[in-house]
PDB file of all heavy atoms in Angstrom:
ATOM      1  N   GLU A   1       0.801  -1.220   0.000  1.00  0.00           N
ATOM      2  CA  GLU A   1       0.000   0.000   0.000  1.00  0.00           C
ATOM      3  C   GLU A   1       0.836   1.273   0.000  1.00  0.00           C
ATOM      4  O   GLU A   1       0.309   2.366   0.207  1.00  0.00           O
ATOM      5  CB  GLU A   1      -0.985   0.016   1.179  1.00  0.00           C
ATOM      6  CG  GLU A   1      -1.962  -1.153   1.169  1.00  0.00           C
ATOM      7  CD  GLU A   1      -2.974  -1.057   2.298  1.00  0.00           C
ATOM      8  OE1 GLU A   1      -2.842  -0.150   3.138  1.00  0.00           O
ATOM      9  OE2 GLU A   1      -3.898  -1.888   2.319  1.00  0.00           O
ATOM     10  N   SER A   2       2.137   1.149  -0.242  1.00  0.00           N
ATOM     11  CA  SER A   2       3.003   2.317  -0.352  1.00  0.00           C
ATOM     12  C   SER A   2       3.577   2.376  -1.756  1.00  0.00           C
ATOM     13  O   SER A   2       3.860   1.342  -2.373  1.00  0.00           O
ATOM     14  CB  SER A   2       4.149   2.254   0.670  1.00  0.00           C
ATOM     15  OG  SER A   2       3.645   2.266   1.991  1.00  0.00           O
ATOM     16  N   LEU A   3       3.756   3.594  -2.270  1.00  0.00           N
ATOM     17  CA  LEU A   3       4.292   3.740  -3.612  1.00  0.00           C
ATOM     18  C   LEU A   3       5.737   3.271  -3.660  1.00  0.00           C
ATOM     19  O   LEU A   3       6.581   3.734  -2.896  1.00  0.00           O
ATOM     20  CB  LEU A   3       4.208   5.214  -4.055  1.00  0.00           C
ATOM     21  CG  LEU A   3       4.704   5.485  -5.478  1.00  0.00           C
ATOM     22  CD1 LEU A   3       3.720   4.919  -6.496  1.00  0.00           C
ATOM     23  CD2 LEU A   3       4.895   6.983  -5.708  1.00  0.00           C
ATOM     24  N   ALA A   4       6.024   2.353  -4.589  1.00  0.00           N
ATOM     25  CA  ALA A   4       7.388   1.874  -4.785  1.00  0.00           C
ATOM     26  C   ALA A   4       8.050   2.566  -5.964  1.00  0.00           C
ATOM     27  O   ALA A   4       9.277   2.662  -6.032  1.00  0.00           O
ATOM     28  CB  ALA A   4       7.394   0.369  -5.008  1.00  0.00           C
ATOM     29  N   GLY A   5       7.246   3.062  -6.901  1.00  0.00           N
ATOM     30  CA  GLY A   5       7.798   3.754  -8.056  1.00  0.00           C
ATOM     31  C   GLY A   5       6.730   3.989  -9.092  1.00  0.00           C
ATOM     32  O   GLY A   5       5.619   3.437  -9.009  1.00  0.00           O
ATOM     33  N   LEU A   6       7.049   4.825 -10.070  1.00  0.00           N
ATOM     34  CA  LEU A   6       6.098   5.064 -11.152  1.00  0.00           C
ATOM     35  C   LEU A   6       6.815   5.614 -12.368  1.00  0.00           C
ATOM     36  O   LEU A   6       7.930   6.125 -12.293  1.00  0.00           O
ATOM     37  CB  LEU A   6       4.966   5.988 -10.719  1.00  0.00           C
ATOM     38  CG  LEU A   6       5.248   7.427 -10.280  1.00  0.00           C
ATOM     39  CD1 LEU A   6       5.436   8.362 -11.465  1.00  0.00           C
ATOM     40  CD2 LEU A   6       4.099   7.948  -9.417  1.00  0.00           C
ATOM     41  N   ARG A   7       6.135   5.490 -13.498  1.00  0.00           N
ATOM     42  CA  ARG A   7       6.550   6.107 -14.749  1.00  0.00           C
ATOM     43  C   ARG A   7       5.462   7.103 -15.137  1.00  0.00           C
ATOM     44  O   ARG A   7       4.270   6.828 -14.948  1.00  0.00           O
ATOM     45  CB  ARG A   7       6.725   5.058 -15.847  1.00  0.00           C
ATOM     46  CG  ARG A   7       7.003   5.653 -17.239  1.00  0.00           C
ATOM     47  CD  ARG A   7       7.282   4.565 -18.263  1.00  0.00           C
ATOM     48  NE  ARG A   7       8.503   3.853 -17.938  1.00  0.00           N
ATOM     49  CZ  ARG A   7       9.728   4.307 -18.220  1.00  0.00           C
ATOM     50  NH1 ARG A   7       9.882   5.471 -18.829  1.00  0.00           N
ATOM     51  NH2 ARG A   7      10.782   3.599 -17.903  1.00  0.00           N
ATOM     52  N   TYR A   8       5.868   8.240 -15.659  1.00  0.00           N
ATOM     53  CA  TYR A   8       4.873   9.238 -16.046  1.00  0.00           C
ATOM     54  C   TYR A   8       5.307   9.934 -17.320  1.00  0.00           C
ATOM     55  O   TYR A   8       6.499  10.011 -17.640  1.00  0.00           O
ATOM     56  CB  TYR A   8       4.651  10.255 -14.932  1.00  0.00           C
ATOM     57  CG  TYR A   8       5.899  11.011 -14.485  1.00  0.00           C
ATOM     58  CD1 TYR A   8       6.159  12.309 -14.922  1.00  0.00           C
ATOM     59  CD2 TYR A   8       6.820  10.430 -13.609  1.00  0.00           C
ATOM     60  CE1 TYR A   8       7.285  12.999 -14.510  1.00  0.00           C
ATOM     61  CE2 TYR A   8       7.947  11.113 -13.191  1.00  0.00           C
ATOM     62  CZ  TYR A   8       8.175  12.403 -13.644  1.00  0.00           C
ATOM     63  OH  TYR A   8       9.303  13.085 -13.234  1.00  0.00           O
ATOM     64  N   THR A   9       4.329  10.411 -18.077  1.00  0.00           N
ATOM     65  CA  THR A   9       4.589  11.165 -19.294  1.00  0.00           C
ATOM     66  C   THR A   9       3.943  12.532 -19.173  1.00  0.00           C
ATOM     67  O   THR A   9       2.957  12.708 -18.436  1.00  0.00           O
ATOM     68  CB  THR A   9       4.047  10.444 -20.534  1.00  0.00           C
ATOM     69  OG1 THR A   9       2.626  10.252 -20.386  1.00  0.00           O
ATOM     70  CG2 THR A   9       4.712   9.089 -20.711  1.00  0.00           C
ATOM     71  N   THR A  10       4.488  13.501 -19.895  1.00  0.00           N
ATOM     72  CA  THR A  10       3.992  14.870 -19.790  1.00  0.00           C
ATOM     73  C   THR A  10       3.889  15.525 -21.161  1.00  0.00           C
ATOM     74  O   THR A  10       4.640  15.199 -22.086  1.00  0.00           O
ATOM     75  CB  THR A  10       4.927  15.745 -18.925  1.00  0.00           C
ATOM     76  OG1 THR A  10       6.191  15.878 -19.597  1.00  0.00           O
ATOM     77  CG2 THR A  10       5.155  15.134 -17.557  1.00  0.00           C
ATOM     78  N   VAL A  11       2.945  16.449 -21.246  1.00  0.00           N
ATOM     79  CA  VAL A  11       2.850  17.367 -22.383  1.00  0.00           C
ATOM     80  C   VAL A  11       2.787  18.769 -21.793  1.00  0.00           C
ATOM     81  O   VAL A  11       1.857  19.087 -21.044  1.00  0.00           O
ATOM     82  CB  VAL A  11       1.613  17.095 -23.259  1.00  0.00           C
ATOM     83  CG1 VAL A  11       1.547  18.116 -24.404  1.00  0.00           C
ATOM     84  CG2 VAL A  11       1.640  15.675 -23.815  1.00  0.00           C
ATOM     85  N   MET A  12       3.790  19.591 -22.106  1.00  0.00           N
ATOM     86  CA  MET A  12       3.855  20.950 -21.573  1.00  0.00           C
ATOM     87  C   MET A  12       3.362  21.928 -22.625  1.00  0.00           C
ATOM     88  O   MET A  12       3.843  21.915 -23.769  1.00  0.00           O
ATOM     89  CB  MET A  12       5.288  21.302 -21.169  1.00  0.00           C
ATOM     90  CG  MET A  12       5.911  20.341 -20.166  1.00  0.00           C
ATOM     91  SD  MET A  12       7.591  20.858 -19.664  1.00  0.00           S
ATOM     92  CE  MET A  12       8.089  19.410 -18.691  1.00  0.00           C
ATOM     93  N   ARG A  13       2.414  22.792 -22.233  1.00  0.00           N
ATOM     94  CA  ARG A  13       1.869  23.780 -23.160  1.00  0.00           C
ATOM     95  C   ARG A  13       2.057  25.188 -22.611  1.00  0.00           C
ATOM     96  O   ARG A  13       1.977  25.407 -21.403  1.00  0.00           O
ATOM     97  CB  ARG A  13       0.380  23.521 -23.407  1.00  0.00           C
ATOM     98  CG  ARG A  13       0.094  22.244 -24.188  1.00  0.00           C
ATOM     99  CD  ARG A  13      -1.389  22.084 -24.464  1.00  0.00           C
ATOM    100  NE  ARG A  13      -1.663  20.946 -25.330  1.00  0.00           N
ATOM    101  CZ  ARG A  13      -1.806  19.693 -24.904  1.00  0.00           C
ATOM    102  NH1 ARG A  13      -1.714  19.429 -23.597  1.00  0.00           N
ATOM    103  NH2 ARG A  13      -2.050  18.721 -25.756  1.00  0.00           N
ATOM    104  N   ARG A  14       2.271  26.091 -23.533  1.00  0.00           N
ATOM    105  CA  ARG A  14       2.409  27.515 -23.222  1.00  0.00           C
ATOM    106  C   ARG A  14       1.465  28.276 -24.136  1.00  0.00           C
ATOM    107  O   ARG A  14       1.598  28.221 -25.344  1.00  0.00           O
ATOM    108  CB  ARG A  14       3.854  27.959 -23.443  1.00  0.00           C
ATOM    109  CG  ARG A  14       4.135  29.431 -23.223  1.00  0.00           C
ATOM    110  CD  ARG A  14       5.571  29.720 -23.636  1.00  0.00           C
ATOM    111  NE  ARG A  14       5.949  31.081 -23.395  1.00  0.00           N
ATOM    112  CZ  ARG A  14       7.089  31.624 -23.842  1.00  0.00           C
ATOM    113  NH1 ARG A  14       7.947  30.890 -24.554  1.00  0.00           N
ATOM    114  NH2 ARG A  14       7.380  32.892 -23.585  1.00  0.00           N
ATOM    115  N   ALA A  15       0.484  28.929 -23.543  1.00  0.00           N
ATOM    116  CA  ALA A  15      -0.549  29.626 -24.317  1.00  0.00           C
ATOM    117  C   ALA A  15      -1.189  28.684 -25.340  1.00  0.00           C
ATOM    118  O   ALA A  15      -1.485  29.072 -26.478  1.00  0.00           O
ATOM    119  CB  ALA A  15       0.036  30.851 -25.011  1.00  0.00           C
ATOM    120  N   GLY A  16      -1.398  27.449 -24.936  1.00  0.00           N
ATOM    121  CA  GLY A  16      -2.058  26.470 -25.790  1.00  0.00           C
ATOM    122  C   GLY A  16      -1.154  25.747 -26.761  1.00  0.00           C
ATOM    123  O   GLY A  16      -1.580  24.758 -27.381  1.00  0.00           O
ATOM    124  N   GLN A  17       0.086  26.190 -26.911  1.00  0.00           N
ATOM    125  CA  GLN A  17       1.020  25.573 -27.848  1.00  0.00           C
ATOM    126  C   GLN A  17       1.931  24.582 -27.112  1.00  0.00           C
ATOM    127  O   GLN A  17       2.419  24.878 -26.025  1.00  0.00           O
ATOM    128  CB  GLN A  17       1.878  26.640 -28.529  1.00  0.00           C
ATOM    129  CG  GLN A  17       1.100  27.681 -29.293  1.00  0.00           C
ATOM    130  CD  GLN A  17       0.417  27.106 -30.531  1.00  0.00           C
ATOM    131  OE1 GLN A  17       0.934  26.168 -31.151  1.00  0.00           O
ATOM    132  NE2 GLN A  17      -0.726  27.648 -30.881  1.00  0.00           N
ATOM    133  N   VAL A  18       2.155  23.421 -27.727  1.00  0.00           N
ATOM    134  CA  VAL A  18       3.032  22.431 -27.107  1.00  0.00           C
ATOM    135  C   VAL A  18       4.469  22.935 -27.117  1.00  0.00           C
ATOM    136  O   VAL A  18       5.024  23.256 -28.170  1.00  0.00           O
ATOM    137  CB  VAL A  18       2.935  21.078 -27.835  1.00  0.00           C
ATOM    138  CG1 VAL A  18       3.954  20.091 -27.245  1.00  0.00           C
ATOM    139  CG2 VAL A  18       1.528  20.502 -27.714  1.00  0.00           C
ATOM    140  N   VAL A  19       5.047  23.023 -25.927  1.00  0.00           N
ATOM    141  CA  VAL A  19       6.429  23.473 -25.752  1.00  0.00           C
ATOM    142  C   VAL A  19       7.373  22.278 -25.673  1.00  0.00           C
ATOM    143  O   VAL A  19       8.481  22.308 -26.221  1.00  0.00           O
ATOM    144  CB  VAL A  19       6.564  24.331 -24.474  1.00  0.00           C
ATOM    145  CG1 VAL A  19       8.008  24.677 -24.179  1.00  0.00           C
ATOM    146  CG2 VAL A  19       5.739  25.593 -24.598  1.00  0.00           C
ATOM    147  N   ALA A  20       6.944  21.244 -24.962  1.00  0.00           N
ATOM    148  CA  ALA A  20       7.815  20.087 -24.756  1.00  0.00           C
ATOM    149  C   ALA A  20       6.977  18.877 -24.406  1.00  0.00           C
ATOM    150  O   ALA A  20       5.865  18.993 -23.872  1.00  0.00           O
ATOM    151  CB  ALA A  20       8.826  20.358 -23.635  1.00  0.00           C
ATOM    152  N   THR A  21       7.505  17.709 -24.716  1.00  0.00           N
ATOM    153  CA  THR A  21       6.921  16.443 -24.289  1.00  0.00           C
ATOM    154  C   THR A  21       8.037  15.612 -23.664  1.00  0.00           C
ATOM    155  O   THR A  21       9.208  15.786 -23.991  1.00  0.00           O
ATOM    156  CB  THR A  21       6.302  15.676 -25.475  1.00  0.00           C
ATOM    157  OG1 THR A  21       7.328  15.449 -26.463  1.00  0.00           O
ATOM    158  CG2 THR A  21       5.171  16.469 -26.104  1.00  0.00           C
ATOM    159  N   GLY A  22       7.661  14.729 -22.767  1.00  0.00           N
ATOM    160  CA  GLY A  22       8.691  13.904 -22.149  1.00  0.00           C
ATOM    161  C   GLY A  22       8.132  12.971 -21.112  1.00  0.00           C
ATOM    162  O   GLY A  22       6.918  12.925 -20.870  1.00  0.00           O
ATOM    163  N   GLY A  23       9.020  12.252 -20.489  1.00  0.00           N
ATOM    164  CA  GLY A  23       8.619  11.304 -19.455  1.00  0.00           C
ATOM    165  C   GLY A  23       9.804  10.899 -18.611  1.00  0.00           C
ATOM    166  O   GLY A  23      10.956  11.195 -18.934  1.00  0.00           O
ATOM    167  N   ALA A  24       9.510  10.217 -17.535  1.00  0.00           N
ATOM    168  CA  ALA A  24      10.557   9.775 -16.620  1.00  0.00           C
ATOM    169  C   ALA A  24      10.022   8.636 -15.773  1.00  0.00           C
ATOM    170  O   ALA A  24       8.803   8.399 -15.699  1.00  0.00           O
ATOM    171  CB  ALA A  24      11.023  10.926 -15.728  1.00  0.00           C
ATOM    172  N   SER A  25      10.935   7.927 -15.109  1.00  0.00           N
ATOM    173  CA  SER A  25      10.528   6.898 -14.160  1.00  0.00           C
ATOM    174  C   SER A  25      11.473   6.927 -12.979  1.00  0.00           C
ATOM    175  O   SER A  25      12.640   7.308 -13.105  1.00  0.00           O
ATOM    176  CB  SER A  25      10.527   5.507 -14.796  1.00  0.00           C
ATOM    177  OG  SER A  25      11.844   5.086 -15.096  1.00  0.00           O
ATOM    178  N   PHE A  26      10.948   6.543 -11.822  1.00  0.00           N
ATOM    179  CA  PHE A  26      11.764   6.527 -10.614  1.00  0.00           C
ATOM    180  C   PHE A  26      11.226   5.483  -9.652  1.00  0.00           C
ATOM    181  O   PHE A  26      10.078   5.031  -9.764  1.00  0.00           O
ATOM    182  CB  PHE A  26      11.781   7.907  -9.924  1.00  0.00           C
ATOM    183  CG  PHE A  26      10.439   8.353  -9.398  1.00  0.00           C
ATOM    184  CD1 PHE A  26       9.992   7.982  -8.136  1.00  0.00           C
ATOM    185  CD2 PHE A  26       9.617   9.153 -10.169  1.00  0.00           C
ATOM    186  CE1 PHE A  26       8.753   8.379  -7.660  1.00  0.00           C
ATOM    187  CE2 PHE A  26       8.371   9.561  -9.703  1.00  0.00           C
ATOM    188  CZ  PHE A  26       7.948   9.176  -8.437  1.00  0.00           C
ATOM    189  N   THR A  27      12.055   5.098  -8.715  1.00  0.00           N
ATOM    190  CA  THR A  27      11.630   4.307  -7.568  1.00  0.00           C
ATOM    191  C   THR A  27      11.917   5.120  -6.322  1.00  0.00           C
ATOM    192  O   THR A  27      12.732   6.038  -6.334  1.00  0.00           O
ATOM    193  CB  THR A  27      12.369   2.966  -7.499  1.00  0.00           C
ATOM    194  OG1 THR A  27      13.789   3.198  -7.558  1.00  0.00           O
ATOM    195  CG2 THR A  27      11.980   2.062  -8.654  1.00  0.00           C
ATOM    196  N   CYS A  28      11.212   4.811  -5.250  1.00  0.00           N
ATOM    197  CA  CYS A  28      11.420   5.529  -3.997  1.00  0.00           C
ATOM    198  C   CYS A  28      11.582   4.520  -2.866  1.00  0.00           C
ATOM    199  O   CYS A  28      11.108   3.385  -2.949  1.00  0.00           O
ATOM    200  CB  CYS A  28      10.277   6.496  -3.714  1.00  0.00           C
ATOM    201  SG  CYS A  28       8.621   5.822  -3.865  1.00  0.00           S
ATOM    202  N   MET A  29      12.272   4.962  -1.829  1.00  0.00           N
ATOM    203  CA  MET A  29      12.575   4.071  -0.713  1.00  0.00           C
ATOM    204  C   MET A  29      12.590   4.862   0.581  1.00  0.00           C
ATOM    205  O   MET A  29      12.797   6.077   0.586  1.00  0.00           O
ATOM    206  CB  MET A  29      13.920   3.387  -0.943  1.00  0.00           C
ATOM    207  CG  MET A  29      15.115   4.320  -0.922  1.00  0.00           C
ATOM    208  SD  MET A  29      16.640   3.542  -1.507  1.00  0.00           S
ATOM    209  CE  MET A  29      16.400   3.626  -3.291  1.00  0.00           C
ATOM    210  N   THR A  30      12.384   4.163   1.663  1.00  0.00           N
ATOM    211  CA  THR A  30      12.410   4.805   2.974  1.00  0.00           C
ATOM    212  C   THR A  30      13.830   5.244   3.309  1.00  0.00           C
ATOM    213  O   THR A  30      14.808   4.761   2.741  1.00  0.00           O
ATOM    214  CB  THR A  30      11.912   3.859   4.068  1.00  0.00           C
ATOM    215  OG1 THR A  30      12.849   2.784   4.206  1.00  0.00           O
ATOM    216  CG2 THR A  30      10.531   3.290   3.735  1.00  0.00           C
TER     217      THR A  30
END
């Protein structure tokens, strides 16, 4: 029930125009 990690993608917009796209993944630990 604790987050071990995730992958995510993004679309960045500025005034409605796509500026950048990308993604990343990480794990987390105590």
